[in-house]
C-alpha atoms as a PDB file:
ATOM      1  CA  MET A   1      30.756  72.397-117.540  1.00  0.00           C
ATOM      2  CA  GLU A   2      33.137  73.536-114.839  1.00  0.00           C
ATOM      3  CA  VAL A   3      33.462  71.044-111.999  1.00  0.00           C
ATOM      4  CA  GLU A   4      33.642  72.831-108.676  1.00  0.00           C
ATOM      5  CA  ALA A   5      34.563  71.392-105.311  1.00  0.00           C
ATOM      6  CA  LEU A   6      31.487  70.689-103.219  1.00  0.00           C
ATOM      7  CA  GLU A   7      31.258  71.413 -99.533  1.00  0.00           C
ATOM      8  CA  TRP A   8      32.476  68.076 -98.287  1.00  0.00           C
ATOM      9  CA  GLU A   9      33.534  68.127 -94.649  1.00  0.00           C
ATOM     10  CA  ARG A  10      30.819  66.263 -92.815  1.00  0.00           C
ATOM     11  CA  MET A  11      30.230  63.172 -90.787  1.00  0.00           C
ATOM     12  CA  VAL A  12      28.500  60.225 -92.432  1.00  0.00           C
ATOM     13  CA  ARG A  13      24.990  60.095 -91.002  1.00  0.00           C
ATOM     14  CA  THR A  14      23.500  56.984 -89.476  1.00  0.00           C
ATOM     15  CA  VAL A  15      19.927  55.949 -90.220  1.00  0.00           C
ATOM     16  CA  ARG A  16      17.948  52.987 -88.951  1.00  0.00           C
ATOM     17  CA  ALA A  17      16.232  50.770 -91.509  1.00  0.00           C
ATOM     18  CA  THR A  18      12.503  50.469 -90.825  1.00  0.00           C
ATOM     19  CA  ARG A  19      11.218  48.654 -93.910  1.00  0.00           C
ATOM     20  CA  TYR A  20      12.658  46.338 -96.543  1.00  0.00           C
ATOM     21  CA  VAL A  21      11.080  47.638 -99.755  1.00  0.00           C
ATOM     22  CA  VAL A  22      12.421  45.658-102.701  1.00  0.00           C
ATOM     23  CA  PRO A  23      15.554  43.671-103.609  1.00  0.00           C
ATOM     24  CA  LEU A  24      17.731  44.768-106.513  1.00  0.00           C
ATOM     25  CA  ARG A  25      18.675  41.503-108.199  1.00  0.00           C
ATOM     26  CA  GLU A  26      21.990  42.697-109.510  1.00  0.00           C
ATOM     27  CA  GLY A  27      25.556  42.941-108.306  1.00  0.00           C
ATOM     28  CA  GLY A  28      27.518  40.722-105.965  1.00  0.00           C
ATOM     29  CA  SER A  29      26.512  42.787-102.949  1.00  0.00           C
ATOM     30  CA  LEU A  30      22.809  41.860-103.318  1.00  0.00           C
ATOM     31  CA  PRO A  31      21.578  45.413-102.606  1.00  0.00           C
ATOM     32  CA  ALA A  32      18.024  46.416-101.794  1.00  0.00           C
ATOM     33  CA  ILE A  33      15.934  49.532-101.402  1.00  0.00           C
ATOM     34  CA  LEU A  34      15.144  50.151 -97.728  1.00  0.00           C
ATOM     35  CA  GLU A  35      13.144  52.851 -96.008  1.00  0.00           C
ATOM     36  CA  ALA A  36      14.732  54.445 -92.941  1.00  0.00           C
ATOM     37  CA  ASP A  37      13.642  56.273 -89.817  1.00  0.00           C
ATOM     38  CA  ASP A  38      14.267  59.648 -91.480  1.00  0.00           C
ATOM     39  CA  GLN A  39      11.571  58.738 -94.074  1.00  0.00           C
ATOM     40  CA  GLY A  40      14.285  58.520 -96.708  1.00  0.00           C
ATOM     41  CA  MET A  41      14.780  55.682 -99.177  1.00  0.00           C
ATOM     42  CA  TYR A  42      18.236  54.186 -99.600  1.00  0.00           C
ATOM     43  CA  VAL A  43      19.950  51.633-101.798  1.00  0.00           C
ATOM     44  CA  VAL A  44      21.579  49.519 -99.092  1.00  0.00           C
ATOM     45  CA  LYS A  45      24.536  47.203 -99.540  1.00  0.00           C
ATOM     46  CA  PHE A  46      24.902  44.549 -96.884  1.00  0.00           C
ATOM     47  CA  ARG A  47      27.948  43.469 -94.906  1.00  0.00           C
ATOM     48  CA  GLY A  48      26.581  39.918 -94.896  1.00  0.00           C
ATOM     49  CA  ALA A  49      26.651  39.628 -98.701  1.00  0.00           C
ATOM     50  CA  GLY A  50      29.259  37.510-100.447  1.00  0.00           C
ATOM     51  CA  GLN A  51      31.709  40.359-101.030  1.00  0.00           C
ATOM     52  CA  GLY A  52      31.676  41.190 -97.315  1.00  0.00           C
ATOM     53  CA  PRO A  53      32.781  44.393 -95.590  1.00  0.00           C
ATOM     54  CA  LEU A  54      35.620  45.079 -98.050  1.00  0.00           C
ATOM     55  CA  ALA A  55      33.094  46.071-100.708  1.00  0.00           C
ATOM     56  CA  LEU A  56      31.465  48.474 -98.240  1.00  0.00           C
ATOM     57  CA  ILE A  57      34.843  49.993 -97.338  1.00  0.00           C
ATOM     58  CA  ALA A  58      35.611  50.535-101.028  1.00  0.00           C
ATOM     59  CA  GLU A  59      32.167  52.055-101.575  1.00  0.00           C
ATOM     60  CA  LEU A  60      32.632  54.475 -98.702  1.00  0.00           C
ATOM     61  CA  VAL A  61      36.242  55.470 -99.361  1.00  0.00           C
ATOM     62  CA  ALA A  62      36.001  55.794-103.148  1.00  0.00           C
ATOM     63  CA  GLY A  63      32.629  57.523-102.964  1.00  0.00           C
ATOM     64  CA  GLU A  64      33.834  60.140-100.492  1.00  0.00           C
ATOM     65  CA  ILE A  65      37.026  60.725-102.486  1.00  0.00           C
ATOM     66  CA  ALA A  66      34.796  61.393-105.505  1.00  0.00           C
ATOM     67  CA  ARG A  67      32.770  63.861-103.437  1.00  0.00           C
ATOM     68  CA  ALA A  68      35.941  65.591-102.231  1.00  0.00           C
ATOM     69  CA  LEU A  69      36.946  66.009-105.883  1.00  0.00           C
ATOM     70  CA  GLY A  70      33.674  67.804-106.583  1.00  0.00           C
ATOM     71  CA  LEU A  71      31.907  64.938-108.340  1.00  0.00           C
ATOM     72  CA  ARG A  72      28.289  64.091-107.559  1.00  0.00           C
ATOM     73  CA  VAL A  73      27.663  60.985-105.470  1.00  0.00           C
ATOM     74  CA  PRO A  74      24.339  60.180-103.780  1.00  0.00           C
ATOM     75  CA  GLU A  75      24.627  60.804-100.051  1.00  0.00           C
ATOM     76  CA  ILE A  76      26.331  57.894 -98.330  1.00  0.00           C
ATOM     77  CA  VAL A  77      24.908  56.842 -94.965  1.00  0.00           C
ATOM     78  CA  PHE A  78      25.383  54.066 -92.458  1.00  0.00           C
ATOM     79  CA  ALA A  79      22.235  51.951 -92.369  1.00  0.00           C
ATOM     80  CA  GLU A  80      21.585  50.114 -89.112  1.00  0.00           C
ATOM     81  CA  VAL A  81      19.736  46.869 -89.759  1.00  0.00           C
ATOM     82  CA  ASP A  82      17.855  44.921 -87.104  1.00  0.00           C
ATOM     83  CA  PRO A  83      17.900  41.180 -87.959  1.00  0.00           C
ATOM     84  CA  ALA A  84      14.198  41.109 -87.123  1.00  0.00           C
ATOM     85  CA  LEU A  85      13.572  43.370 -90.115  1.00  0.00           C
ATOM     86  CA  GLY A  86      13.268  40.458 -92.520  1.00  0.00           C
ATOM     87  CA  ARG A  87      11.906  37.752 -90.258  1.00  0.00           C
ATOM     88  CA  ASN A  88       8.563  37.612 -92.111  1.00  0.00           C
ATOM     89  CA  ASP A  89       9.960  37.898 -95.627  1.00  0.00           C
ATOM     90  CA  PRO A  90       8.934  34.862 -97.713  1.00  0.00           C
ATOM     91  CA  ASP A  91      12.325  34.782 -99.434  1.00  0.00           C
ATOM     92  CA  TYR A  92      14.748  32.606 -97.465  1.00  0.00           C
ATOM     93  CA  GLU A  93      17.782  34.251 -99.088  1.00  0.00           C
ATOM     94  CA  ILE A  94      16.635  37.707 -97.981  1.00  0.00           C
ATOM     95  CA  ARG A  95      15.936  36.519 -94.435  1.00  0.00           C
ATOM     96  CA  GLN A  96      19.404  35.017 -94.171  1.00  0.00           C
ATOM     97  CA  LEU A  97      21.065  38.071 -95.688  1.00  0.00           C
ATOM     98  CA  LEU A  98      19.429  40.444 -93.224  1.00  0.00           C
ATOM     99  CA  LYS A  99      20.246  38.139 -90.332  1.00  0.00           C
ATOM    100  CA  ALA A 100      23.914  38.053 -91.385  1.00  0.00           C
ATOM    101  CA  SER A 101      23.948  41.830 -91.811  1.00  0.00           C
ATOM    102  CA  ALA A 102      22.764  42.859 -88.355  1.00  0.00           C
ATOM    103  CA  GLY A 103      24.338  46.164 -87.394  1.00  0.00           C
ATOM    104  CA  ARG A 104      25.953  48.738 -89.616  1.00  0.00           C
ATOM    105  CA  ASN A 105      25.648  48.522 -93.385  1.00  0.00           C
ATOM    106  CA  LEU A 106      26.079  51.103 -96.140  1.00  0.00           C
ATOM    107  CA  GLY A 107      23.360  53.001 -97.952  1.00  0.00           C
ATOM    108  CA  LEU A 108      23.221  55.480-100.803  1.00  0.00           C
ATOM    109  CA  ASP A 109      20.412  57.961-101.199  1.00  0.00           C
ATOM    110  CA  TYR A 110      17.864  56.577-103.665  1.00  0.00           C
ATOM    111  CA  LEU A 111      17.460  58.928-106.635  1.00  0.00           C
ATOM    112  CA  PRO A 112      13.876  58.472-107.878  1.00  0.00           C
ATOM    113  CA  GLY A 113      13.479  58.865-111.601  1.00  0.00           C
ATOM    114  CA  SER A 114      17.188  58.594-112.341  1.00  0.00           C
ATOM    115  CA  THR A 115      18.296  56.783-115.481  1.00  0.00           C
ATOM    116  CA  THR A 116      21.471  54.954-116.440  1.00  0.00           C
ATOM    117  CA  TYR A 117      23.933  57.114-118.366  1.00  0.00           C
ATOM    118  CA  ASP A 118      23.476  56.386-122.065  1.00  0.00           C
ATOM    119  CA  PRO A 119      25.254  58.367-124.801  1.00  0.00           C
ATOM    120  CA  ALA A 120      22.752  56.993-127.319  1.00  0.00           C
ATOM    121  CA  ALA A 121      20.033  58.806-125.385  1.00  0.00           C
ATOM    122  CA  LYS A 122      22.041  62.032-125.815  1.00  0.00           C
ATOM    123  CA  ASP A 123      23.102  62.140-122.172  1.00  0.00           C
ATOM    124  CA  GLU A 124      25.758  64.827-122.010  1.00  0.00           C
ATOM    125  CA  VAL A 125      28.936  64.892-119.946  1.00  0.00           C
ATOM    126  CA  GLY A 126      31.465  67.659-120.486  1.00  0.00           C
ATOM    127  CA  ALA A 127      35.100  66.841-121.182  1.00  0.00           C
ATOM    128  CA  GLU A 128      36.267  68.430-117.923  1.00  0.00           C
ATOM    129  CA  GLU A 129      33.877  66.376-115.819  1.00  0.00           C
ATOM    130  CA  ALA A 130      34.624  63.227-117.834  1.00  0.00           C
ATOM    131  CA  GLY A 131      38.346  63.759-117.299  1.00  0.00           C
ATOM    132  CA  LEU A 132      37.866  64.007-113.558  1.00  0.00           C
ATOM    133  CA  VAL A 133      35.787  60.803-113.470  1.00  0.00           C
ATOM    134  CA  VAL A 134      38.431  58.969-115.519  1.00  0.00           C
ATOM    135  CA  TRP A 135      41.130  60.272-113.177  1.00  0.00           C
ATOM    136  CA  LEU A 136      39.157  59.177-110.104  1.00  0.00           C
ATOM    137  CA  ASP A 137      38.613  55.659-111.395  1.00  0.00           C
ATOM    138  CA  ALA A 138      42.270  55.282-112.341  1.00  0.00           C
ATOM    139  CA  PHE A 139      43.241  56.504-108.880  1.00  0.00           C
ATOM    140  CA  VAL A 140      40.947  54.173-106.907  1.00  0.00           C
ATOM    141  CA  MET A 141      41.466  51.364-109.451  1.00  0.00           C
ATOM    142  CA  ASN A 142      37.772  51.000-110.171  1.00  0.00           C
ATOM    143  CA  VAL A 143      37.264  48.273-112.775  1.00  0.00           C
ATOM    144  CA  ASP A 144      33.499  48.733-112.859  1.00  0.00           C
ATOM    145  CA  ARG A 145      32.821  51.786-115.033  1.00  0.00           C
ATOM    146  CA  THR A 146      32.539  50.279-118.498  1.00  0.00           C
ATOM    147  CA  ALA A 147      30.054  50.654-121.349  1.00  0.00           C
ATOM    148  CA  ARG A 148      28.596  47.322-120.265  1.00  0.00           C
ATOM    149  CA  ASN A 149      28.125  48.502-116.685  1.00  0.00           C
ATOM    150  CA  ALA A 150      28.579  52.263-116.441  1.00  0.00           C
ATOM    151  CA  ASN A 151      27.506  52.742-112.821  1.00  0.00           C
ATOM    152  CA  LEU A 152      26.602  56.307-113.741  1.00  0.00           C
ATOM    153  CA  LEU A 153      23.164  57.834-113.280  1.00  0.00           C
ATOM    154  CA  MET A 154      21.600  60.882-114.850  1.00  0.00           C
ATOM    155  CA  TRP A 155      19.395  62.693-112.360  1.00  0.00           C
ATOM    156  CA  HIS A 156      17.955  66.106-113.130  1.00  0.00           C
ATOM    157  CA  ARG A 157      20.252  66.044-116.177  1.00  0.00           C
ATOM    158  CA  LYS A 158      23.358  65.833-114.021  1.00  0.00           C
ATOM    159  CA  LEU A 159      25.820  62.963-113.722  1.00  0.00           C
ATOM    160  CA  HIS A 160      25.940  60.996-110.457  1.00  0.00           C
ATOM    161  CA  LEU A 161      28.458  58.267-109.616  1.00  0.00           C
ATOM    162  CA  ILE A 162      27.384  55.040-107.913  1.00  0.00           C
ATOM    163  CA  ASP A 163      28.665  51.557-107.103  1.00  0.00           C
ATOM    164  CA  HIS A 164      32.326  51.723-106.125  1.00  0.00           C
ATOM    165  CA  GLY A 165      32.449  48.377-104.346  1.00  0.00           C
ATOM    166  CA  ALA A 166      34.875  46.936-106.920  1.00  0.00           C
ATOM    167  CA  ALA A 167      37.390  49.746-106.380  1.00  0.00           C
ATOM    168  CA  LEU A 168      40.537  49.488-104.246  1.00  0.00           C
ATOM    169  CA  TYR A 169      40.843  45.838-105.231  1.00  0.00           C
ATOM    170  CA  PRO A 170      44.411  45.521-103.869  1.00  0.00           C
ATOM    171  CA  HIS A 171      42.885  45.336-100.376  1.00  0.00           C
ATOM    172  CA  HIS A 172      41.764  41.804-101.210  1.00  0.00           C
ATOM    173  CA  ASP A 173      45.481  40.943-101.029  1.00  0.00           C
ATOM    174  CA  TRP A 174      46.013  42.739 -97.744  1.00  0.00           C
ATOM    175  CA  ALA A 175      49.668  41.878 -97.235  1.00  0.00           C
ATOM    176  CA  GLY A 176      50.570  43.260-100.645  1.00  0.00           C
ATOM    177  CA  MET A 177      48.191  46.216-100.740  1.00  0.00           C
ATOM    178  CA  VAL A 178      50.643  49.052-100.138  1.00  0.00           C
ATOM    179  CA  GLY A 179      53.077  47.544-102.632  1.00  0.00           C
ATOM    180  CA  LYS A 180      50.434  47.879-105.347  1.00  0.00           C
ATOM    181  CA  ALA A 181      49.928  51.614-104.759  1.00  0.00           C
ATOM    182  CA  GLU A 182      51.988  52.470-107.834  1.00  0.00           C
ATOM    183  CA  ALA A 183      50.696  49.620-109.971  1.00  0.00           C
ATOM    184  CA  ARG A 184      49.497  50.117-113.529  1.00  0.00           C
ATOM    185  CA  PHE A 185      45.767  50.173-114.203  1.00  0.00           C
ATOM    186  CA  GLU A 186      45.255  48.782-117.674  1.00  0.00           C
ATOM    187  CA  ALA A 187      41.493  48.498-117.157  1.00  0.00           C
ATOM    188  CA  ILE A 188      41.237  52.258-117.704  1.00  0.00           C
ATOM    189  CA  GLN A 189      41.207  51.522-121.455  1.00  0.00           C
ATOM    190  CA  ASN A 190      37.661  50.148-120.979  1.00  0.00           C
ATOM    191  CA  HIS A 191      36.310  53.234-119.198  1.00  0.00           C
ATOM    192  CA  VAL A 192      32.901  54.344-120.453  1.00  0.00           C
ATOM    193  CA  LEU A 193      33.878  58.038-120.492  1.00  0.00           C
ATOM    194  CA  LEU A 194      37.334  57.652-122.014  1.00  0.00           C
ATOM    195  CA  SER A 195      36.023  58.598-125.459  1.00  0.00           C
ATOM    196  CA  ARG A 196      34.922  61.962-124.029  1.00  0.00           C
ATOM    197  CA  VAL A 197      38.574  62.837-123.417  1.00  0.00           C
ATOM    198  CA  ALA A 198      40.033  61.401-126.618  1.00  0.00           C
ATOM    199  CA  GLY A 199      41.897  63.418-129.228  1.00  0.00           C
ATOM    200  CA  SER A 200      42.389  67.070-128.388  1.00  0.00           C
ATOM    201  CA  GLU A 201      40.618  66.542-125.065  1.00  0.00           C
ATOM    202  CA  ALA A 202      43.171  64.007-123.768  1.00  0.00           C
ATOM    203  CA  GLY A 203      44.866  66.787-121.847  1.00  0.00           C
ATOM    204  CA  ARG A 204      41.806  66.941-119.630  1.00  0.00           C
ATOM    205  CA  ILE A 205      43.208  64.002-117.673  1.00  0.00           C
ATOM    206  CA  ALA A 206      46.349  65.935-116.767  1.00  0.00           C
ATOM    207  CA  GLU A 207      44.168  68.929-115.850  1.00  0.00           C
ATOM    208  CA  ALA A 208      42.088  66.630-113.658  1.00  0.00           C
ATOM    209  CA  GLY A 209      45.300  65.552-111.951  1.00  0.00           C
ATOM    210  CA  LYS A 210      46.076  69.156-111.052  1.00  0.00           C
ATOM    211  CA  VAL A 211      42.581  69.594-109.626  1.00  0.00           C
ATOM    212  CA  ALA A 212      42.893  66.354-107.667  1.00  0.00           C
ATOM    213  CA  THR A 213      46.282  67.280-106.243  1.00  0.00           C
ATOM    214  CA  ALA A 214      44.812  70.557-104.982  1.00  0.00           C
ATOM    215  CA  ARG A 215      41.723  68.934-103.458  1.00  0.00           C
ATOM    216  CA  LEU A 216      43.115  65.700-102.052  1.00  0.00           C
ATOM    217  CA  GLY A 217      45.945  64.809 -99.699  1.00  0.00           C
ATOM    218  CA  LEU A 218      46.710  63.148 -96.384  1.00  0.00           C
ATOM    219  CA  GLY A 219      44.286  65.324 -94.419  1.00  0.00           C
ATOM    220  CA  VAL A 220      41.340  64.525 -96.696  1.00  0.00           C
ATOM    221  CA  PHE A 221      42.217  60.833 -96.825  1.00  0.00           C
ATOM    222  CA  ALA A 222      42.519  60.698 -93.041  1.00  0.00           C
ATOM    223  CA  ARG A 223      39.058  62.214 -92.552  1.00  0.00           C
ATOM    224  CA  ILE A 224      37.550  59.737 -94.997  1.00  0.00           C
ATOM    225  CA  VAL A 225      39.294  56.651 -93.625  1.00  0.00           C
ATOM    226  CA  ALA A 226      38.371  57.701 -90.067  1.00  0.00           C
ATOM    227  CA  GLU A 227      34.720  57.157 -91.063  1.00  0.00           C
ATOM    228  CA  VAL A 228      35.243  53.440 -91.798  1.00  0.00           C
ATOM    229  CA  PRO A 229      33.520  51.516 -88.988  1.00  0.00           C
ATOM    230  CA  GLU A 230      35.822  49.581 -86.711  1.00  0.00           C
ATOM    231  CA  GLU A 231      33.771  46.415 -87.114  1.00  0.00           C
ATOM    232  CA  TRP A 232      34.308  46.481 -90.892  1.00  0.00           C
ATOM    233  CA  LEU A 233      38.056  46.808 -90.403  1.00  0.00           C
ATOM    234  CA  ASP A 234      38.078  44.044 -87.796  1.00  0.00           C
ATOM    235  CA  ALA A 235      36.521  41.744 -90.404  1.00  0.00           C
ATOM    236  CA  ILE A 236      39.624  42.034 -92.624  1.00  0.00           C
ATOM    237  CA  PRO A 237      41.389  38.668 -92.202  1.00  0.00           C
ATOM    238  CA  ALA A 238      44.744  40.102 -91.164  1.00  0.00           C
ATOM    239  CA  GLU A 239      46.572  40.900 -87.974  1.00  0.00           C
ATOM    240  CA  GLY A 240      46.495  44.411 -86.598  1.00  0.00           C
ATOM    241  CA  THR A 241      44.118  46.796 -84.881  1.00  0.00           C
ATOM    242  CA  ALA A 242      41.489  48.845 -86.677  1.00  0.00           C
ATOM    243  CA  GLU A 243      43.756  51.887 -86.426  1.00  0.00           C
ATOM    244  CA  GLU A 244      46.667  49.982 -87.940  1.00  0.00           C
ATOM    245  CA  LYS A 245      44.455  48.918 -90.823  1.00  0.00           C
ATOM    246  CA  ARG A 246      43.360  52.514 -91.336  1.00  0.00           C
ATOM    247  CA  GLY A 247      47.054  53.313 -91.570  1.00  0.00           C
ATOM    248  CA  VAL A 248      47.429  50.820 -94.431  1.00  0.00           C
ATOM    249  CA  TYR A 249      44.643  52.529 -96.371  1.00  0.00           C
ATOM    250  CA  LEU A 250      46.203  55.932 -95.737  1.00  0.00           C
ATOM    251  CA  GLU A 251      49.607  54.792 -96.929  1.00  0.00           C
ATOM    252  CA  PHE A 252      48.119  53.231-100.049  1.00  0.00           C
ATOM    253  CA  LEU A 253      46.135  56.363-100.950  1.00  0.00           C
ATOM    254  CA  THR A 254      48.955  58.817-100.293  1.00  0.00           C
ATOM    255  CA  ARG A 255      51.464  56.742-102.253  1.00  0.00           C
ATOM    256  CA  ARG A 256      49.055  56.413-105.153  1.00  0.00           C
ATOM    257  CA  LEU A 257      48.493  60.155-105.238  1.00  0.00           C
ATOM    258  CA  GLU A 258      52.246  60.787-105.167  1.00  0.00           C
ATOM    259  CA  GLY A 259      52.662  58.479-108.168  1.00  0.00           C
ATOM    260  CA  ALA A 260      49.665  59.842-110.061  1.00  0.00           C
ATOM    261  CA  ARG A 261      51.673  60.852-113.141  1.00  0.00           C
ATOM    262  CA  GLU A 262      52.101  57.200-114.060  1.00  0.00           C
ATOM    263  CA  PHE A 263      48.419  56.283-114.157  1.00  0.00           C
ATOM    264  CA  GLU A 264      47.559  59.667-115.689  1.00  0.00           C
ATOM    265  CA  LYS A 265      49.904  58.919-118.589  1.00  0.00           C
ATOM    266  CA  GLU A 266      48.415  55.459-118.923  1.00  0.00           C
ATOM    267  CA  ALA A 267      44.917  56.984-119.135  1.00  0.00           C
ATOM    268  CA  ARG A 268      46.014  59.636-121.657  1.00  0.00           C
ATOM    269  CA  ASP A 269      47.689  57.016-123.826  1.00  0.00           C
ATOM    270  CA  ALA A 270      44.531  54.901-123.742  1.00  0.00           C
ATOM    271  CA  ALA A 271      42.432  57.935-124.729  1.00  0.00           C
ATOM    272  CA  GLU A 272      44.724  58.772-127.625  1.00  0.00           C
ATOM    273  CA  ARG A 273      44.472  55.231-128.961  1.00  0.00           C
ATOM    274  CA  LEU A 274      40.741  55.849-129.476  1.00  0.00           C
ATOM    275  CA  ILE A 275      41.382  58.414-132.211  1.00  0.00           C
END
């Protein structure tokens, strides 16, 4: 399957949550399915959850980078939550979570009927697409794409990427974030799709790097980072304005792209060890 760049330039839409449908009792972000004022259903991750706004920033930035690369990601939206939304919910934890998450949260379009990627169920992913996913996760340092927790959905027989909240983990050490832009990413050896680019297909990772270099860059990163809400950036426990913090993300991403050969080699070596 040839992976083509999707039309990407767009603003992230904002929807207003109108109904709390059901909690998803998994993940540190305590997500839930909510209905919104556009009659759509969204998997919403809350700023008031334990992982806080940093997980939402990672979800937004990594998800939109994936989309810019031509990979499929459910539409990302900002979900406005009124604290009154959960006032009658019998679950105290849910009431408190919604109260702490008043304002802008992050939602992903709910894909009804989708199933978790499972090679045993003969779910197919081509080597070119697999190589691009491996490259993406090495680039954004996403530790959460393993056989145990693939965070990949099959919908209409096509692969869709979800759950990037664990990516960009250097931002949890804000002062040292930029310095880690060229860091190794040994966790790539555990990637669920690495076996799809093993052996003679290992070169797919280098090919993915060429595609990424053509599709990414400072301009793309700037458009993506500009979408991060100011209030999420203000919640980062560090000095500096929201714009200065956007600058840190931009510097990290551009430096990591410039040093891509290092993590590409690391990924290729890991793939070759699977032979």
